[in-house]
C-alpha atoms as a PDB file:
ATOM      1  CA  MET A   1    -188.845 158.302  37.588  1.00  0.00           C
ATOM      2  CA  CYS A   2    -191.698 158.571  35.101  1.00  0.00           C
ATOM      3  CA  VAL A   3    -192.079 157.134  31.623  1.00  0.00           C
ATOM      4  CA  LEU A   4    -193.115 159.239  28.637  1.00  0.00           C
ATOM      5  CA  ILE A   5    -194.889 156.991  26.172  1.00  0.00           C
ATOM      6  CA  ALA A   6    -194.740 158.311  22.618  1.00  0.00           C
ATOM      7  CA  ASP A   7    -193.402 156.226  19.715  1.00  0.00           C
ATOM      8  CA  ALA A   8    -191.431 154.303  22.321  1.00  0.00           C
ATOM      9  CA  PRO A   9    -191.276 154.531  26.117  1.00  0.00           C
ATOM     10  CA  ALA A  10    -188.634 156.978  27.389  1.00  0.00           C
ATOM     11  CA  PRO A  11    -187.503 157.755  30.949  1.00  0.00           C
ATOM     12  CA  ALA A  12    -188.544 161.178  32.190  1.00  0.00           C
ATOM     13  CA  ALA A  13    -188.094 163.159  35.388  1.00  0.00           C
ATOM     14  CA  LEU A  14    -191.113 165.187  36.441  1.00  0.00           C
ATOM     15  CA  ARG A  15    -189.930 168.770  37.018  1.00  0.00           C
ATOM     16  CA  THR A  16    -193.341 170.395  37.430  1.00  0.00           C
ATOM     17  CA  VAL A  17    -196.908 169.113  37.410  1.00  0.00           C
ATOM     18  CA  SER A  18    -200.351 170.682  37.697  1.00  0.00           C
ATOM     19  CA  ALA A  19    -203.897 169.748  36.779  1.00  0.00           C
ATOM     20  CA  THR A  20    -203.344 171.192  33.296  1.00  0.00           C
ATOM     21  CA  GLY A  21    -199.951 169.747  32.389  1.00  0.00           C
ATOM     22  CA  ALA A  22    -196.354 169.004  33.248  1.00  0.00           C
ATOM     23  CA  PHE A  23    -192.746 169.628  32.280  1.00  0.00           C
ATOM     24  CA  LEU A  24    -190.590 166.536  31.878  1.00  0.00           C
ATOM     25  CA  GLU A  25    -186.816 166.385  31.764  1.00  0.00           C
ATOM     26  CA  THR A  26    -186.219 163.785  29.054  1.00  0.00           C
ATOM     27  CA  ASN A  27    -184.218 163.079  25.925  1.00  0.00           C
ATOM     28  CA  ALA A  28    -187.418 162.136  24.045  1.00  0.00           C
ATOM     29  CA  ARG A  29    -188.577 164.669  21.463  1.00  0.00           C
ATOM     30  CA  PRO A  30    -192.058 163.762  20.229  1.00  0.00           C
ATOM     31  CA  PRO A  31    -193.462 166.338  17.793  1.00  0.00           C
ATOM     32  CA  VAL A  32    -195.440 169.287  19.148  1.00  0.00           C
ATOM     33  CA  GLY A  33    -199.131 168.439  18.945  1.00  0.00           C
ATOM     34  CA  SER A  34    -198.610 164.686  19.165  1.00  0.00           C
ATOM     35  CA  ARG A  35    -200.587 162.554  21.602  1.00  0.00           C
ATOM     36  CA  VAL A  36    -198.517 160.896  24.334  1.00  0.00           C
ATOM     37  CA  ALA A  37    -199.076 159.306  27.718  1.00  0.00           C
ATOM     38  CA  LEU A  38    -197.261 159.928  30.982  1.00  0.00           C
ATOM     39  CA  HIS A  39    -196.851 157.069  33.415  1.00  0.00           C
ATOM     40  CA  HIS A  40    -196.023 157.926  37.019  1.00  0.00           C
ATOM     41  CA  PRO A  41    -195.205 154.967  39.305  1.00  0.00           C
ATOM     42  CA  GLU A  42    -197.663 156.120  41.980  1.00  0.00           C
ATOM     43  CA  ALA A  43    -200.102 158.438  40.189  1.00  0.00           C
ATOM     44  CA  GLY A  44    -200.832 156.104  37.265  1.00  0.00           C
ATOM     45  CA  THR A  45    -201.040 156.994  33.592  1.00  0.00           C
ATOM     46  CA  ILE A  46    -202.587 160.035  31.941  1.00  0.00           C
ATOM     47  CA  ASP A  47    -203.009 161.007  28.287  1.00  0.00           C
ATOM     48  CA  ALA A  48    -201.476 164.281  27.160  1.00  0.00           C
ATOM     49  CA  GLU A  49    -200.507 166.395  24.182  1.00  0.00           C
ATOM     50  CA  VAL A  50    -197.013 167.751  23.545  1.00  0.00           C
ATOM     51  CA  ALA A  51    -197.194 171.543  23.975  1.00  0.00           C
ATOM     52  CA  SER A  52    -193.546 172.506  23.436  1.00  0.00           C
ATOM     53  CA  LEU A  53    -189.998 171.216  23.268  1.00  0.00           C
ATOM     54  CA  CYS A  54    -187.005 172.634  25.123  1.00  0.00           C
ATOM     55  CA  ASP A  55    -183.325 171.728  25.214  1.00  0.00           C
ATOM     56  CA  ASP A  56    -183.801 169.805  28.449  1.00  0.00           C
ATOM     57  CA  GLY A  57    -187.285 168.390  28.052  1.00  0.00           C
ATOM     58  CA  VAL A  58    -190.889 168.455  26.948  1.00  0.00           C
ATOM     59  CA  ALA A  59    -193.951 170.390  28.118  1.00  0.00           C
ATOM     60  CA  ILE A  60    -197.194 168.440  27.928  1.00  0.00           C
ATOM     61  CA  ASP A  61    -200.817 169.489  28.414  1.00  0.00           C
ATOM     62  CA  PHE A  62    -203.581 167.447  30.060  1.00  0.00           C
ATOM     63  CA  ALA A  63    -207.307 167.769  29.512  1.00  0.00           C
ATOM     64  CA  TYR A  64    -208.388 169.620  32.659  1.00  0.00           C
ATOM     65  CA  ASP A  65    -210.811 167.379  34.542  1.00  0.00           C
ATOM     66  CA  GLU A  66    -211.150 165.383  37.754  1.00  0.00           C
ATOM     67  CA  ARG A  67    -208.679 162.778  36.484  1.00  0.00           C
ATOM     68  CA  SER A  68    -205.970 165.365  35.773  1.00  0.00           C
ATOM     69  CA  VAL A  69    -206.465 166.939  39.201  1.00  0.00           C
ATOM     70  CA  ALA A  70    -206.197 163.515  40.866  1.00  0.00           C
ATOM     71  CA  PHE A  71    -203.077 162.658  38.827  1.00  0.00           C
ATOM     72  CA  ALA A  72    -201.331 165.916  39.761  1.00  0.00           C
ATOM     73  CA  LEU A  73    -202.218 165.606  43.446  1.00  0.00           C
ATOM     74  CA  ALA A  74    -201.016 161.985  43.574  1.00  0.00           C
ATOM     75  CA  ALA A  75    -197.725 162.878  41.848  1.00  0.00           C
ATOM     76  CA  ILE A  76    -197.143 165.822  44.202  1.00  0.00           C
ATOM     77  CA  ALA A  77    -198.020 163.754  47.288  1.00  0.00           C
ATOM     78  CA  ALA A  78    -195.679 160.967  46.179  1.00  0.00           C
ATOM     79  CA  ASP A  79    -192.827 163.452  45.784  1.00  0.00           C
ATOM     80  CA  MET A  80    -193.516 165.048  49.166  1.00  0.00           C
ATOM     81  CA  SER A  81    -193.547 161.690  50.945  1.00  0.00           C
ATOM     82  CA  ARG A  82    -190.100 160.630  49.716  1.00  0.00           C
ATOM     83  CA  PRO A  83    -187.366 160.817  52.357  1.00  0.00           C
ATOM     84  CA  VAL A  84    -184.769 163.522  51.852  1.00  0.00           C
ATOM     85  CA  ALA A  85    -181.356 162.027  51.136  1.00  0.00           C
END
């Protein structure tokens, strides 16, 4: 479980992630264009901007750089290393 940090921290499930952004399933609805942060328990924290809102979540964009690539790879690796229930 991730935490979307906008006005207040909100739980968020990471549905997709790449070096340029992510889609989070969350009840939080920060305004499009607002600056937020995404905290992943194993990948760390990365700054982002809200790109769009959907009924079931929020799309966020990262600045594409080495840090965003490392964040995405760490999040993907963490998900792949979890045992299947």
